[in-house]
Amino acid sequence: MVNRALVSVAVAVGAFISVVVLLTRLGGGQSVFESDPWRVLYQGDVACVALCAVVAVVGSVLMGRSLVFFVGGAGLVALGAVAAVGTTANWASYVSAVAAGLLIAAIGSLAVQEDSRESLQSWLFAGALVGAWLARPLEQYRSSVPYSGAYTSTGTPPDWPLVVGVVAALVLFAAARFTGPPHARFPDENGRSATQRSALGPTLTLGIAVPVVALLSWWWFIATLGSGDDIEGGTWAYGIVLLPVIVVGVWWLPHRNGLVLLAMLAMLTAAAGLPQWQGSWPMLLVFVLLIAGGLVSGRRWAHPMIAMGVLLACTLMTAIDESPWSTAGIVAAFVVPVAGAHVVAACLPTTAPVSTIAVAGPATLFPVVGITVAYSFSSSSGSSGSSGFDSRQLTTTEVILAAVTVAACGIALAFLSRRRPPSDLDEKGLPA
């Protein structure tokens, strides 16, 4: 029981750290290379996120039982070292991306123990969702990084919050490793049957295709800006090309294994257009509790289609800007964490490789939830009076694209839910 609790907390903390790193610690921020759009294919945060996602899914497929804790620990040590050095150099971003990918692969594999797969994966996604919700709001409490140019810092301080988080995660990993039973059902590093090998093909293809298409979409977006094409309201509709890739890829996966990826995309899309909290930090704990409540309800009373309908309704509520209904978006900001977490939990369990794709989702799905649904270079988000939320208002195009994305995820989820549940997964997290 003690070991199970330690593993649960370890995967949650690992997922939280990974998502925070992906969203706020790579590439020196979201830089726009208008003079040379080709640079985005190998430099910057989106390129590093793509690298991380590929490392994560490949690592989760290749990782054996004896390597789970070693790979996770190595990733944490590398992240801690880069954070302690305090640099925004390109090499540091690449190292952090690979390290985060190894950490995600390790915790994804750690969360498929046969005796507690669904519980551990709930903890895994709890950490990932909390990280997605809090990563950027917590940036205001981190030491600022002054720049003299796009990639030239003038004295970057060590990232002590990340160092502390890494040390805590390392302690948890070590405690879980040395208190575990000698025959815990971790992924088996030995032979795979023909059925298992055939299941790896779609998973690997989807896991590599999502970050690659996301990176190419980001390059296309930057090239569009560089060519002087007008982007109304900061919205670039072509980012939605990632949606059919995900839907088709999830359909290609066996059983219901890919449902959690649809749930993550729907939740992140609905959340992208909501008013963002700009006030004091105690309110952030409320969102953590809401996410936890959604995960618990999703495990005990799974109604994913109802929750998906709530996400769609909340997405449409962001279109209302007339008083007194203008507060509808603020109401939705408290509903989406619960409904989204409910859908995610209701779509579990899944396989280790698919869980790594979904955990990296808050960063890899940026072309849809960011530049397509709620991205703008020109508008800044100021505080909306005494509410504590910003005053960003979505354009009609953004609302339509967000609604289409959530609706498409809901329709795909409804059809795929008729498939046989993945109750016969082997210890690798793949259909037997």
Protein backbone atom coordinates (compact mmCIF):
# COMPACT_ATOMS: atom_id res chain seq x y z
CA MET A 1 0.00 0.00 0.00
CA VAL A 2 2.84 2.39 0.86
CA ASN A 3 4.62 1.64 -2.41
CA ARG A 4 1.44 2.16 -4.41
CA ALA A 5 0.96 5.56 -2.79
CA LEU A 6 4.58 6.50 -3.51
CA VAL A 7 4.29 5.44 -7.16
CA SER A 8 1.04 7.39 -7.50
CA VAL A 9 2.56 10.60 -6.18
CA ALA A 10 5.76 10.03 -8.19
CA VAL A 11 3.92 9.77 -11.53
CA ALA A 12 1.76 12.80 -10.67
CA VAL A 13 4.75 14.97 -9.73
CA GLY A 14 6.67 13.73 -12.77
CA ALA A 15 3.80 14.59 -15.10
CA PHE A 16 3.41 18.01 -13.52
CA ILE A 17 7.11 18.82 -13.92
CA SER A 18 7.14 17.54 -17.51
CA VAL A 19 4.19 19.66 -18.62
CA VAL A 20 5.52 22.76 -16.86
CA VAL A 21 8.87 22.32 -18.62
CA LEU A 22 7.20 21.84 -22.00
CA LEU A 23 5.01 24.91 -21.62
CA THR A 24 7.39 27.39 -20.02
CA ARG A 25 11.04 26.26 -20.05
CA LEU A 26 11.91 25.51 -23.66
CA GLY A 27 13.30 27.67 -26.45
CA GLY A 28 13.39 30.90 -24.48
CA GLY A 29 9.66 31.43 -24.97
CA GLN A 30 7.45 31.63 -28.05
CA SER A 31 9.74 33.36 -30.51
CA VAL A 32 8.67 34.37 -34.00
CA PHE A 33 11.31 34.07 -36.71
CA GLU A 34 9.85 36.39 -39.33
CA SER A 35 13.22 36.88 -41.03
CA ASP A 36 13.93 33.15 -41.38
CA PRO A 37 10.84 30.94 -40.84
CA TRP A 38 12.88 27.79 -41.51
CA ARG A 39 14.59 28.20 -38.12
CA VAL A 40 11.42 27.15 -36.32
CA LEU A 41 11.95 23.60 -37.61
CA TYR A 42 15.00 23.15 -35.39
CA GLN A 43 15.05 26.03 -32.91
CA GLY A 44 12.54 27.37 -30.41
CA ASP A 45 9.97 25.96 -28.05
CA VAL A 46 7.78 24.18 -30.61
CA ALA A 47 10.76 22.33 -32.12
CA CYS A 48 11.88 21.28 -28.64
CA VAL A 49 8.37 20.13 -27.76
CA ALA A 50 8.28 17.98 -30.92
CA LEU A 51 11.64 16.47 -29.96
CA CYS A 52 10.36 15.72 -26.47
CA ALA A 53 7.17 14.06 -27.74
CA VAL A 54 9.04 11.80 -30.15
CA VAL A 55 11.53 10.77 -27.46
CA ALA A 56 8.64 10.04 -25.07
CA VAL A 57 6.63 7.75 -27.34
CA VAL A 58 9.68 5.90 -28.69
CA GLY A 59 11.10 5.53 -25.19
CA SER A 60 7.85 4.15 -23.80
CA VAL A 61 7.78 1.50 -26.53
CA LEU A 62 11.40 0.41 -26.10
CA MET A 63 11.67 0.70 -22.33
CA GLY A 64 11.96 -2.47 -20.30
CA ARG A 65 11.14 -3.21 -16.68
CA SER A 66 14.68 -2.70 -15.41
CA LEU A 67 14.99 0.72 -17.04
CA VAL A 68 11.84 2.50 -15.86
CA PHE A 69 13.29 4.09 -12.72
CA PHE A 70 16.72 4.58 -14.25
CA VAL A 71 15.40 6.45 -17.29
CA GLY A 72 13.03 8.57 -15.19
CA GLY A 73 15.80 9.42 -12.75
CA ALA A 74 18.19 10.31 -15.58
CA GLY A 75 15.60 12.65 -17.06
CA LEU A 76 15.06 14.36 -13.71
CA VAL A 77 18.79 14.76 -13.08
CA ALA A 78 19.26 16.37 -16.51
CA LEU A 79 16.33 18.74 -15.94
CA GLY A 80 17.68 19.69 -12.52
CA ALA A 81 21.18 20.30 -13.87
CA VAL A 82 19.95 22.63 -16.62
CA ALA A 83 17.70 24.47 -14.15
CA ALA A 84 20.59 24.92 -11.69
CA VAL A 85 22.91 26.23 -14.40
CA GLY A 86 20.40 28.90 -15.31
CA THR A 87 20.81 29.38 -19.05
CA THR A 88 18.54 29.87 -22.05
CA ALA A 89 21.11 28.66 -24.58
CA ASN A 90 19.87 26.44 -27.37
CA TRP A 91 21.73 23.38 -26.06
CA ALA A 92 19.96 23.72 -22.72
CA SER A 93 16.56 23.67 -24.43
CA TYR A 94 17.46 20.55 -26.39
CA VAL A 95 18.75 18.81 -23.27
CA SER A 96 15.61 19.75 -21.34
CA ALA A 97 13.41 18.50 -24.19
CA VAL A 98 15.12 15.11 -24.30
CA ALA A 99 15.11 14.88 -20.50
CA ALA A 100 11.40 15.70 -20.31
CA GLY A 101 10.74 13.09 -23.00
CA LEU A 102 12.59 10.44 -21.00
CA LEU A 103 10.67 11.41 -17.86
CA ILE A 104 7.30 11.18 -19.65
CA ALA A 105 8.25 7.79 -21.09
CA ALA A 106 9.21 6.54 -17.64
CA ILE A 107 6.10 7.71 -15.82
CA GLY A 108 3.88 6.51 -18.67
CA SER A 109 5.41 3.04 -18.37
CA LEU A 110 5.34 3.18 -14.57
CA ALA A 111 1.60 3.85 -14.65
CA VAL A 112 0.67 0.58 -16.38
CA GLN A 113 1.27 -1.83 -13.51
CA GLU A 114 -1.30 -4.56 -13.91
CA ASP A 115 -2.77 -4.37 -10.41
CA SER A 116 -3.46 -0.62 -10.40
CA ARG A 117 -3.33 0.65 -13.98
CA GLU A 118 -6.44 2.82 -13.96
CA SER A 119 -5.64 4.39 -10.59
CA LEU A 120 -2.03 5.16 -11.52
CA GLN A 121 -3.02 6.64 -14.86
CA SER A 122 -5.55 8.85 -13.09
CA TRP A 123 -2.69 10.19 -10.97
CA LEU A 124 -0.59 10.56 -14.12
CA PHE A 125 -3.18 12.74 -15.84
CA ALA A 126 -3.93 14.62 -12.64
CA GLY A 127 -0.35 15.87 -12.65
CA ALA A 128 -0.47 16.63 -16.38
CA LEU A 129 -3.74 18.58 -16.21
CA VAL A 130 -2.69 20.56 -13.13
CA GLY A 131 0.56 21.38 -14.90
CA ALA A 132 -1.31 22.55 -17.99
CA TRP A 133 -3.59 24.74 -15.89
CA LEU A 134 -0.96 26.28 -13.62
CA ALA A 135 2.24 26.43 -15.68
CA ARG A 136 1.78 29.90 -17.13
CA PRO A 137 -0.02 31.51 -14.16
CA LEU A 138 2.85 30.42 -11.92
CA GLU A 139 5.37 32.12 -14.20
CA GLN A 140 4.67 35.45 -12.47
CA TYR A 141 6.31 34.04 -9.34
CA ARG A 142 9.51 32.95 -11.09
CA SER A 143 12.58 35.17 -11.39
CA SER A 144 12.38 37.11 -14.64
CA VAL A 145 14.85 36.62 -17.47
CA PRO A 146 16.12 39.88 -18.99
CA TYR A 147 17.02 39.73 -22.67
CA SER A 148 19.11 41.93 -24.90
CA GLY A 149 17.94 40.07 -28.00
CA ALA A 150 15.84 37.16 -29.18
CA TYR A 151 18.16 34.53 -27.69
CA THR A 152 20.73 36.56 -25.73
CA SER A 153 20.10 36.71 -22.00
CA THR A 154 21.75 39.27 -19.76
CA GLY A 155 22.15 37.17 -16.64
CA THR A 156 19.65 34.32 -16.35
CA PRO A 157 19.15 33.25 -12.73
CA PRO A 158 19.01 29.56 -11.76
CA ASP A 159 15.52 28.11 -11.90
CA TRP A 160 15.25 27.15 -8.24
CA PRO A 161 11.51 26.26 -8.25
CA LEU A 162 12.22 23.63 -10.92
CA VAL A 163 15.27 22.39 -9.01
CA VAL A 164 13.16 21.91 -5.88
CA GLY A 165 10.49 20.06 -7.87
CA VAL A 166 13.10 17.81 -9.47
CA VAL A 167 14.66 16.93 -6.12
CA ALA A 168 11.24 16.08 -4.69
CA ALA A 169 10.48 13.87 -7.69
CA LEU A 170 13.83 12.10 -7.39
CA VAL A 171 13.16 11.32 -3.73
CA LEU A 172 9.75 9.91 -4.66
CA PHE A 173 11.20 7.83 -7.50
CA ALA A 174 13.89 6.42 -5.22
CA ALA A 175 11.42 5.64 -2.45
CA ALA A 176 9.04 3.92 -4.89
CA ARG A 177 11.89 1.92 -6.41
CA PHE A 178 13.31 0.57 -3.16
CA THR A 179 9.98 -0.09 -1.41
CA GLY A 180 8.33 -1.92 -4.29
CA PRO A 181 7.63 -5.67 -4.40
CA PRO A 182 10.30 -7.66 -6.25
CA HIS A 183 7.85 -8.89 -8.89
CA ALA A 184 5.83 -5.75 -9.67
CA ARG A 185 4.11 -6.00 -13.02
CA PHE A 186 6.02 -3.37 -14.96
CA PRO A 187 6.33 -3.45 -18.74
CA ASP A 188 8.19 -6.56 -19.82
CA GLU A 189 11.41 -5.95 -21.69
CA ASN A 190 11.45 -9.39 -23.26
CA GLY A 191 9.71 -10.91 -26.31
CA ARG A 192 6.61 -9.41 -27.85
CA SER A 193 4.06 -11.45 -29.77
CA ALA A 194 3.11 -10.73 -33.37
CA THR A 195 -0.11 -9.14 -32.13
CA GLN A 196 1.83 -6.79 -29.86
CA ARG A 197 4.20 -5.80 -32.65
CA SER A 198 1.30 -5.07 -34.98
CA ALA A 199 -0.22 -2.79 -32.33
CA LEU A 200 3.00 -0.83 -32.05
CA GLY A 201 2.80 0.39 -35.64
CA PRO A 202 -0.29 2.62 -35.33
CA THR A 203 0.82 3.87 -31.91
CA LEU A 204 4.30 4.85 -33.04
CA THR A 205 2.95 6.42 -36.22
CA LEU A 206 0.45 8.55 -34.32
CA GLY A 207 2.96 9.43 -31.60
CA ILE A 208 5.44 10.72 -34.16
CA ALA A 209 2.88 12.21 -36.55
CA VAL A 210 1.24 14.51 -33.98
CA PRO A 211 4.38 16.45 -32.96
CA VAL A 212 5.72 16.49 -36.53
CA VAL A 213 2.48 17.86 -37.97
CA ALA A 214 2.32 20.35 -35.10
CA LEU A 215 5.85 21.55 -35.89
CA LEU A 216 5.11 21.85 -39.61
CA SER A 217 1.91 23.76 -38.82
CA TRP A 218 3.87 26.18 -36.65
CA TRP A 219 6.39 26.69 -39.46
CA TRP A 220 3.53 27.28 -41.90
CA PHE A 221 2.03 29.83 -39.50
CA ILE A 222 5.32 31.72 -39.11
CA ALA A 223 5.89 31.64 -42.89
CA THR A 224 2.39 33.04 -43.38
CA LEU A 225 3.17 35.92 -41.03
CA GLY A 226 6.50 36.52 -42.74
CA SER A 227 4.83 36.74 -46.14
CA GLY A 228 2.66 39.59 -44.89
CA ASP A 229 -0.65 37.73 -45.12
CA ASP A 230 -3.32 39.19 -42.90
CA ILE A 231 -4.40 37.03 -39.95
CA GLU A 232 -7.67 38.39 -38.67
CA GLY A 233 -7.75 38.71 -34.90
CA GLY A 234 -4.57 36.70 -34.55
CA THR A 235 -6.39 33.53 -35.62
CA TRP A 236 -4.84 31.15 -38.13
CA ALA A 237 -7.54 28.69 -39.12
CA TYR A 238 -5.22 26.21 -40.85
CA GLY A 239 -3.91 24.95 -37.54
CA ILE A 240 -7.00 22.78 -37.42
CA VAL A 241 -5.34 20.41 -39.91
CA LEU A 242 -4.02 18.61 -36.82
CA LEU A 243 -7.59 17.64 -35.86
CA PRO A 244 -8.16 15.07 -38.65
CA VAL A 245 -4.70 13.63 -38.00
CA ILE A 246 -5.66 12.94 -34.40
CA VAL A 247 -9.15 11.64 -35.18
CA VAL A 248 -7.92 9.29 -37.92
CA GLY A 249 -4.98 8.18 -35.80
CA VAL A 250 -7.17 7.44 -32.78
CA TRP A 251 -9.56 5.52 -35.03
CA TRP A 252 -6.62 3.47 -36.29
CA LEU A 253 -5.52 2.46 -32.80
CA PRO A 254 -6.96 -0.82 -31.49
CA HIS A 255 -9.79 -0.98 -28.98
CA ARG A 256 -10.47 2.27 -27.10
CA ASN A 257 -6.84 3.06 -26.46
CA GLY A 258 -6.86 6.47 -28.11
CA LEU A 259 -9.95 7.93 -26.45
CA VAL A 260 -7.88 9.78 -23.86
CA LEU A 261 -6.17 11.77 -26.62
CA LEU A 262 -9.56 12.96 -27.90
CA ALA A 263 -10.50 13.89 -24.33
CA MET A 264 -7.31 15.91 -23.87
CA LEU A 265 -7.79 17.76 -27.16
CA ALA A 266 -11.41 18.63 -26.34
CA MET A 267 -10.55 19.84 -22.84
CA LEU A 268 -7.57 21.92 -23.94
CA THR A 269 -9.55 23.47 -26.79
CA ALA A 270 -12.40 24.45 -24.50
CA ALA A 271 -9.94 25.83 -21.95
CA ALA A 272 -7.95 27.84 -24.50
CA GLY A 273 -10.75 30.32 -25.09
CA LEU A 274 -11.69 30.84 -21.46
CA PRO A 275 -10.83 33.93 -19.40
CA GLN A 276 -7.52 33.30 -17.65
CA TRP A 277 -7.00 33.93 -13.94
CA GLN A 278 -4.66 36.89 -13.34
CA GLY A 279 -5.15 37.38 -9.61
CA SER A 280 -3.47 36.00 -6.49
CA TRP A 281 -2.22 32.41 -6.28
CA PRO A 282 -4.68 30.94 -3.70
CA MET A 283 -7.37 30.82 -6.39
CA LEU A 284 -5.14 28.47 -8.39
CA LEU A 285 -5.72 25.84 -5.70
CA VAL A 286 -9.42 25.95 -6.53
CA PHE A 287 -8.68 24.84 -10.08
CA VAL A 288 -6.54 22.00 -8.71
CA LEU A 289 -9.47 20.82 -6.58
CA LEU A 290 -11.83 21.09 -9.55
CA ILE A 291 -9.54 18.93 -11.67
CA ALA A 292 -9.26 16.38 -8.86
CA GLY A 293 -13.04 16.31 -8.50
CA GLY A 294 -13.49 15.72 -12.21
CA LEU A 295 -11.00 12.84 -12.19
CA VAL A 296 -12.72 11.18 -9.24
CA SER A 297 -16.19 11.52 -10.78
CA GLY A 298 -14.90 10.26 -14.13
CA ARG A 299 -13.58 7.09 -12.51
CA ARG A 300 -16.64 6.36 -10.37
CA TRP A 301 -19.51 7.59 -12.54
CA ALA A 302 -18.19 7.66 -16.06
CA HIS A 303 -20.40 9.72 -18.40
CA PRO A 304 -17.95 10.98 -21.01
CA MET A 305 -20.56 12.05 -23.56
CA ILE A 306 -22.42 14.21 -21.04
CA ALA A 307 -19.16 15.84 -19.98
CA MET A 308 -18.21 16.34 -23.62
CA GLY A 309 -21.52 18.11 -24.17
CA VAL A 310 -20.73 20.37 -21.22
CA LEU A 311 -17.37 21.22 -22.81
CA LEU A 312 -19.11 22.14 -26.05
CA ALA A 313 -21.61 24.33 -24.19
CA CYS A 314 -18.79 26.08 -22.33
CA THR A 315 -17.00 26.67 -25.63
CA LEU A 316 -20.08 28.34 -27.08
CA MET A 317 -20.52 30.42 -23.91
CA THR A 318 -17.28 32.25 -24.67
CA ALA A 319 -19.06 33.91 -27.61
CA ILE A 320 -21.31 35.88 -25.25
CA ASP A 321 -19.98 39.36 -24.54
CA GLU A 322 -23.19 41.28 -23.83
CA SER A 323 -24.00 42.30 -20.27
CA PRO A 324 -25.20 40.72 -18.02
CA TRP A 325 -24.31 37.46 -19.79
CA SER A 326 -20.68 38.45 -20.23
CA THR A 327 -19.89 36.59 -17.01
CA ALA A 328 -20.75 33.31 -18.75
CA GLY A 329 -17.10 32.88 -19.71
CA ILE A 330 -16.03 33.19 -16.07
CA VAL A 331 -18.60 30.57 -15.08
CA ALA A 332 -17.24 28.30 -17.82
CA ALA A 333 -13.71 28.79 -16.46
CA PHE A 334 -14.79 26.90 -13.33
CA VAL A 335 -16.80 24.24 -15.18
CA VAL A 336 -14.30 23.19 -17.85
CA PRO A 337 -11.67 21.80 -15.40
CA VAL A 338 -14.29 19.49 -13.89
CA ALA A 339 -15.91 18.39 -17.15
CA GLY A 340 -12.60 18.00 -18.97
CA ALA A 341 -10.99 15.96 -16.19
CA HIS A 342 -14.13 13.83 -16.05
CA VAL A 343 -13.83 12.96 -19.75
CA VAL A 344 -10.13 12.16 -19.41
CA ALA A 345 -10.71 9.83 -16.44
CA ALA A 346 -13.66 8.15 -18.16
CA CYS A 347 -11.42 7.29 -21.13
CA LEU A 348 -8.89 5.38 -19.02
CA PRO A 349 -7.12 2.98 -18.92
CA THR A 350 -4.93 3.21 -21.97
CA THR A 351 -1.50 1.98 -23.04
CA ALA A 352 1.83 3.41 -21.95
CA PRO A 353 2.74 4.84 -25.41
CA VAL A 354 -0.67 6.47 -25.86
CA SER A 355 -0.53 7.97 -22.39
CA THR A 356 2.80 9.61 -23.25
CA ILE A 357 1.23 11.19 -26.35
CA ALA A 358 -1.64 12.54 -24.26
CA VAL A 359 0.55 13.81 -21.40
CA ALA A 360 2.58 15.83 -23.92
CA GLY A 361 -0.69 17.03 -25.45
CA PRO A 362 -0.87 20.43 -23.68
CA ALA A 363 2.26 21.42 -25.62
CA THR A 364 2.06 19.39 -28.85
CA LEU A 365 -1.54 20.39 -29.59
CA PHE A 366 -0.60 24.09 -29.69
CA PRO A 367 -1.52 24.54 -33.41
CA VAL A 368 -5.16 23.80 -32.54
CA VAL A 369 -5.60 25.18 -29.03
CA GLY A 370 -3.15 28.05 -29.48
CA ILE A 371 -2.70 29.63 -32.88
CA THR A 372 -6.08 28.40 -34.14
CA VAL A 373 -8.42 28.93 -31.20
CA ALA A 374 -7.01 31.59 -28.93
CA TYR A 375 -3.81 33.17 -30.19
CA SER A 376 -3.17 36.84 -30.87
CA PHE A 377 -0.05 38.91 -31.31
CA SER A 378 -1.81 42.23 -31.02
CA SER A 379 -4.18 41.85 -28.09
CA SER A 380 -2.98 41.75 -24.52
CA SER A 381 -4.91 40.24 -21.66
CA GLY A 382 -5.59 42.82 -19.03
CA SER A 383 -7.40 42.29 -15.77
CA SER A 384 -11.16 42.44 -16.03
CA GLY A 385 -12.07 44.73 -13.17
CA SER A 386 -12.42 43.04 -9.80
CA SER A 387 -13.11 39.60 -11.23
CA GLY A 388 -9.43 38.66 -11.39
CA PHE A 389 -9.83 37.23 -14.89
CA ASP A 390 -8.45 38.76 -18.07
CA SER A 391 -10.67 40.46 -20.63
CA ARG A 392 -9.63 38.54 -23.74
CA GLN A 393 -12.64 38.06 -26.04
CA LEU A 394 -12.62 35.42 -28.75
CA THR A 395 -13.45 36.31 -32.32
CA THR A 396 -16.33 34.60 -34.10
CA THR A 397 -13.87 32.54 -36.14
CA GLU A 398 -12.11 31.34 -33.01
CA VAL A 399 -15.38 30.28 -31.37
CA ILE A 400 -16.47 28.39 -34.48
CA LEU A 401 -13.14 26.58 -34.80
CA ALA A 402 -13.13 25.68 -31.11
CA ALA A 403 -16.71 24.39 -31.29
CA VAL A 404 -15.91 22.32 -34.39
CA THR A 405 -12.90 20.79 -32.66
CA VAL A 406 -14.80 19.85 -29.48
CA ALA A 407 -17.76 18.54 -31.48
CA ALA A 408 -15.50 16.42 -33.71
CA CYS A 409 -13.81 14.93 -30.64
CA GLY A 410 -17.22 14.19 -29.12
CA ILE A 411 -18.52 12.47 -32.26
CA ALA A 412 -15.37 10.38 -32.60
CA LEU A 413 -15.55 9.45 -28.92
CA ALA A 414 -19.19 8.38 -29.28
CA PHE A 415 -18.38 5.98 -32.13
CA LEU A 416 -15.17 4.62 -30.65
CA SER A 417 -16.80 4.01 -27.26
CA ARG A 418 -18.72 1.13 -28.87
CA ARG A 419 -15.51 -0.82 -29.26
CA ARG A 420 -14.45 -3.50 -26.81
CA PRO A 421 -12.70 -1.91 -23.81
CA PRO A 422 -8.97 -2.61 -23.48
CA SER A 423 -9.42 -4.92 -20.52
CA ASP A 424 -6.97 -7.48 -21.86
CA LEU A 425 -3.86 -5.29 -21.97
CA ASP A 426 -0.59 -7.03 -21.35
CA GLU A 427 2.07 -5.71 -18.97
CA LYS A 428 3.54 -3.63 -21.78
CA GLY A 429 0.28 -1.73 -21.88
CA LEU A 430 -0.57 -3.15 -25.31
CA PRO A 431 -3.47 -5.35 -26.40
CA ALA A 432 -2.64 -9.00 -25.88
